[in-house]
Amino acid sequence: MPDHLQSRTDDMHKGKAGKSRFSPSTIAIISILVVVVAGIILLG
């Protein structure tokens, strides 16, 4: 396996998002916002 693929896999195992700029907490916040907005739209 090429070194750069191995290092990306290692980063993912350590809980780091490979090349993603988003931290887990940011992803969680975005997910909550999406759910809230979808709920508002559905409820009108």
PDB file of N, CA and C in Angstrom:
ATOM      1  N   MET A   1       0.860  -1.204   0.000  1.00  0.00           N
ATOM      2  CA  MET A   1       0.000   0.000   0.000  1.00  0.00           C
ATOM      3  C   MET A   1       0.891   1.248   0.000  1.00  0.00           C
ATOM      4  N   PRO A   2       0.612   2.224  -0.869  1.00  0.00           N
ATOM      5  CA  PRO A   2       1.416   3.457  -0.897  1.00  0.00           C
ATOM      6  C   PRO A   2       1.386   4.173   0.450  1.00  0.00           C
ATOM      7  N   ASP A   3       2.481   4.878   0.745  1.00  0.00           N
ATOM      8  CA  ASP A   3       2.612   5.538   2.048  1.00  0.00           C
ATOM      9  C   ASP A   3       1.500   6.538   2.308  1.00  0.00           C
ATOM     10  N   HIS A   4       1.126   7.334   1.276  1.00  0.00           N
ATOM     11  CA  HIS A   4       0.128   8.384   1.536  1.00  0.00           C
ATOM     12  C   HIS A   4      -1.239   7.767   1.839  1.00  0.00           C
ATOM     13  N   LEU A   5      -1.559   6.648   1.223  1.00  0.00           N
ATOM     14  CA  LEU A   5      -2.823   5.981   1.554  1.00  0.00           C
ATOM     15  C   LEU A   5      -2.773   5.421   2.970  1.00  0.00           C
ATOM     16  N   GLN A   6      -1.624   4.862   3.343  1.00  0.00           N
ATOM     17  CA  GLN A   6      -1.485   4.298   4.684  1.00  0.00           C
ATOM     18  C   GLN A   6      -1.632   5.385   5.741  1.00  0.00           C
ATOM     19  N   SER A   7      -1.016   6.545   5.509  1.00  0.00           N
ATOM     20  CA  SER A   7      -1.090   7.618   6.505  1.00  0.00           C
ATOM     21  C   SER A   7      -2.518   8.146   6.630  1.00  0.00           C
ATOM     22  N   ARG A   8      -3.234   8.223   5.506  1.00  0.00           N
ATOM     23  CA  ARG A   8      -4.635   8.670   5.577  1.00  0.00           C
ATOM     24  C   ARG A   8      -5.474   7.667   6.363  1.00  0.00           C
ATOM     25  N   THR A   9      -5.230   6.392   6.145  1.00  0.00           N
ATOM     26  CA  THR A   9      -5.956   5.360   6.880  1.00  0.00           C
ATOM     27  C   THR A   9      -5.639   5.460   8.361  1.00  0.00           C
ATOM     28  N   ASP A  10      -4.377   5.680   8.698  1.00  0.00           N
ATOM     29  CA  ASP A  10      -3.981   5.816  10.107  1.00  0.00           C
ATOM     30  C   ASP A  10      -4.673   7.013  10.738  1.00  0.00           C
ATOM     31  N   ASP A  11      -4.738   8.119  10.011  1.00  0.00           N
ATOM     32  CA  ASP A  11      -5.399   9.317  10.540  1.00  0.00           C
ATOM     33  C   ASP A  11      -6.860   9.031  10.839  1.00  0.00           C
ATOM     34  N   MET A  12      -7.523   8.289   9.967  1.00  0.00           N
ATOM     35  CA  MET A  12      -8.933   7.982  10.167  1.00  0.00           C
ATOM     36  C   MET A  12      -9.106   7.090  11.393  1.00  0.00           C
ATOM     37  N   HIS A  13      -8.164   6.167  11.597  1.00  0.00           N
ATOM     38  CA  HIS A  13      -8.258   5.291  12.759  1.00  0.00           C
ATOM     39  C   HIS A  13      -8.041   6.070  14.046  1.00  0.00           C
ATOM     40  N   LYS A  14      -7.269   7.164  13.970  1.00  0.00           N
ATOM     41  CA  LYS A  14      -7.028   7.981  15.159  1.00  0.00           C
ATOM     42  C   LYS A  14      -8.180   8.949  15.412  1.00  0.00           C
ATOM     43  N   GLY A  15      -9.172   8.947  14.542  1.00  0.00           N
ATOM     44  CA  GLY A  15     -10.326   9.813  14.746  1.00  0.00           C
ATOM     45  C   GLY A  15     -10.183  11.137  14.030  1.00  0.00           C
ATOM     46  N   LYS A  16      -9.085  11.314  13.280  1.00  0.00           N
ATOM     47  CA  LYS A  16      -8.943  12.544  12.497  1.00  0.00           C
ATOM     48  C   LYS A  16      -9.642  12.348  11.157  1.00  0.00           C
ATOM     49  N   ALA A  17     -10.245  13.389  10.637  1.00  0.00           N
ATOM     50  CA  ALA A  17     -10.852  13.308   9.310  1.00  0.00           C
ATOM     51  C   ALA A  17      -9.763  13.586   8.289  1.00  0.00           C
ATOM     52  N   GLY A  18      -9.496  12.637   7.396  1.00  0.00           N
ATOM     53  CA  GLY A  18      -8.406  12.720   6.421  1.00  0.00           C
ATOM     54  C   GLY A  18      -8.096  14.117   5.941  1.00  0.00           C
ATOM     55  N   LYS A  19      -8.770  14.557   4.876  1.00  0.00           N
ATOM     56  CA  LYS A  19      -8.522  15.882   4.334  1.00  0.00           C
ATOM     57  C   LYS A  19      -9.675  16.829   4.663  1.00  0.00           C
ATOM     58  N   SER A  20     -10.609  16.354   5.456  1.00  0.00           N
ATOM     59  CA  SER A  20     -11.784  17.163   5.779  1.00  0.00           C
ATOM     60  C   SER A  20     -11.403  18.317   6.682  1.00  0.00           C
ATOM     61  N   ARG A  21     -12.011  19.479   6.448  1.00  0.00           N
ATOM     62  CA  ARG A  21     -11.739  20.650   7.278  1.00  0.00           C
ATOM     63  C   ARG A  21     -12.629  20.653   8.514  1.00  0.00           C
ATOM     64  N   PHE A  22     -13.620  19.745   8.531  1.00  0.00           N
ATOM     65  CA  PHE A  22     -14.606  19.770   9.610  1.00  0.00           C
ATOM     66  C   PHE A  22     -14.197  18.844  10.749  1.00  0.00           C
ATOM     67  N   SER A  23     -14.278  19.338  11.969  1.00  0.00           N
ATOM     68  CA  SER A  23     -14.075  18.494  13.139  1.00  0.00           C
ATOM     69  C   SER A  23     -15.386  17.760  13.432  1.00  0.00           C
ATOM     70  N   PRO A  24     -15.324  16.674  14.205  1.00  0.00           N
ATOM     71  CA  PRO A  24     -16.558  15.934  14.522  1.00  0.00           C
ATOM     72  C   PRO A  24     -17.643  16.833  15.116  1.00  0.00           C
ATOM     73  N   SER A  25     -17.250  17.777  15.975  1.00  0.00           N
ATOM     74  CA  SER A  25     -18.244  18.655  16.601  1.00  0.00           C
ATOM     75  C   SER A  25     -18.908  19.550  15.561  1.00  0.00           C
ATOM     76  N   THR A  26     -18.130  20.021  14.592  1.00  0.00           N
ATOM     77  CA  THR A  26     -18.692  20.862  13.535  1.00  0.00           C
ATOM     78  C   THR A  26     -19.697  20.072  12.708  1.00  0.00           C
ATOM     79  N   ILE A  27     -19.348  18.822  12.395  1.00  0.00           N
ATOM     80  CA  ILE A  27     -20.260  17.965  11.630  1.00  0.00           C
ATOM     81  C   ILE A  27     -21.551  17.755  12.404  1.00  0.00           C
ATOM     82  N   ALA A  28     -21.446  17.560  13.728  1.00  0.00           N
ATOM     83  CA  ALA A  28     -22.630  17.359  14.557  1.00  0.00           C
ATOM     84  C   ALA A  28     -23.512  18.603  14.540  1.00  0.00           C
ATOM     85  N   ILE A  29     -22.894  19.776  14.650  1.00  0.00           N
ATOM     86  CA  ILE A  29     -23.654  21.033  14.643  1.00  0.00           C
ATOM     87  C   ILE A  29     -24.374  21.205  13.309  1.00  0.00           C
ATOM     88  N   ILE A  30     -23.667  20.929  12.207  1.00  0.00           N
ATOM     89  CA  ILE A  30     -24.275  21.053  10.885  1.00  0.00           C
ATOM     90  C   ILE A  30     -25.447  20.085  10.752  1.00  0.00           C
ATOM     91  N   SER A  31     -25.261  18.865  11.251  1.00  0.00           N
ATOM     92  CA  SER A  31     -26.333  17.870  11.174  1.00  0.00           C
ATOM     93  C   SER A  31     -27.571  18.350  11.920  1.00  0.00           C
ATOM     94  N   ILE A  32     -27.373  18.909  13.126  1.00  0.00           N
ATOM     95  CA  ILE A  32     -28.493  19.415  13.917  1.00  0.00           C
ATOM     96  C   ILE A  32     -29.187  20.551  13.171  1.00  0.00           C
ATOM     97  N   LEU A  33     -28.408  21.456  12.602  1.00  0.00           N
ATOM     98  CA  LEU A  33     -28.988  22.576  11.858  1.00  0.00           C
ATOM     99  C   LEU A  33     -29.815  22.073  10.679  1.00  0.00           C
ATOM    100  N   VAL A  34     -29.306  21.073   9.962  1.00  0.00           N
ATOM    101  CA  VAL A  34     -30.031  20.517   8.824  1.00  0.00           C
ATOM    102  C   VAL A  34     -31.360  19.929   9.276  1.00  0.00           C
ATOM    103  N   VAL A  35     -31.335  19.195  10.391  1.00  0.00           N
ATOM    104  CA  VAL A  35     -32.565  18.578  10.910  1.00  0.00           C
ATOM    105  C   VAL A  35     -33.564  19.660  11.316  1.00  0.00           C
ATOM    106  N   VAL A  36     -33.082  20.695  11.991  1.00  0.00           N
ATOM    107  CA  VAL A  36     -33.962  21.778  12.434  1.00  0.00           C
ATOM    108  C   VAL A  36     -34.591  22.483  11.237  1.00  0.00           C
ATOM    109  N   VAL A  37     -33.764  22.815  10.244  1.00  0.00           N
ATOM    110  CA  VAL A  37     -34.275  23.505   9.061  1.00  0.00           C
ATOM    111  C   VAL A  37     -35.282  22.623   8.323  1.00  0.00           C
ATOM    112  N   ALA A  38     -34.967  21.333   8.186  1.00  0.00           N
ATOM    113  CA  ALA A  38     -35.885  20.412   7.514  1.00  0.00           C
ATOM    114  C   ALA A  38     -37.208  20.340   8.276  1.00  0.00           C
ATOM    115  N   GLY A  39     -37.139  20.313   9.599  1.00  0.00           N
ATOM    116  CA  GLY A  39     -38.348  20.268  10.410  1.00  0.00           C
ATOM    117  C   GLY A  39     -39.200  21.506  10.225  1.00  0.00           C
ATOM    118  N   ILE A  40     -38.548  22.668  10.190  1.00  0.00           N
ATOM    119  CA  ILE A  40     -39.280  23.924   9.997  1.00  0.00           C
ATOM    120  C   ILE A  40     -39.977  23.925   8.631  1.00  0.00           C
ATOM    121  N   ILE A  41     -39.261  23.451   7.609  1.00  0.00           N
ATOM    122  CA  ILE A  41     -39.827  23.421   6.254  1.00  0.00           C
ATOM    123  C   ILE A  41     -41.024  22.457   6.205  1.00  0.00           C
ATOM    124  N   LEU A  42     -40.870  21.298   6.816  1.00  0.00           N
ATOM    125  CA  LEU A  42     -41.942  20.299   6.784  1.00  0.00           C
ATOM    126  C   LEU A  42     -43.166  20.779   7.561  1.00  0.00           C
ATOM    127  N   LEU A  43     -42.916  21.462   8.677  1.00  0.00           N
ATOM    128  CA  LEU A  43     -44.034  21.932   9.495  1.00  0.00           C
ATOM    129  C   LEU A  43     -44.652  23.207   8.924  1.00  0.00           C
ATOM    130  N   GLY A  44     -43.910  23.856   8.041  1.00  0.00           N
ATOM    131  CA  GLY A  44     -44.420  25.064   7.387  1.00  0.00           C
ATOM    132  C   GLY A  44     -44.576  26.212   8.362  1.00  0.00           C
TER     133      GLY A  44
END
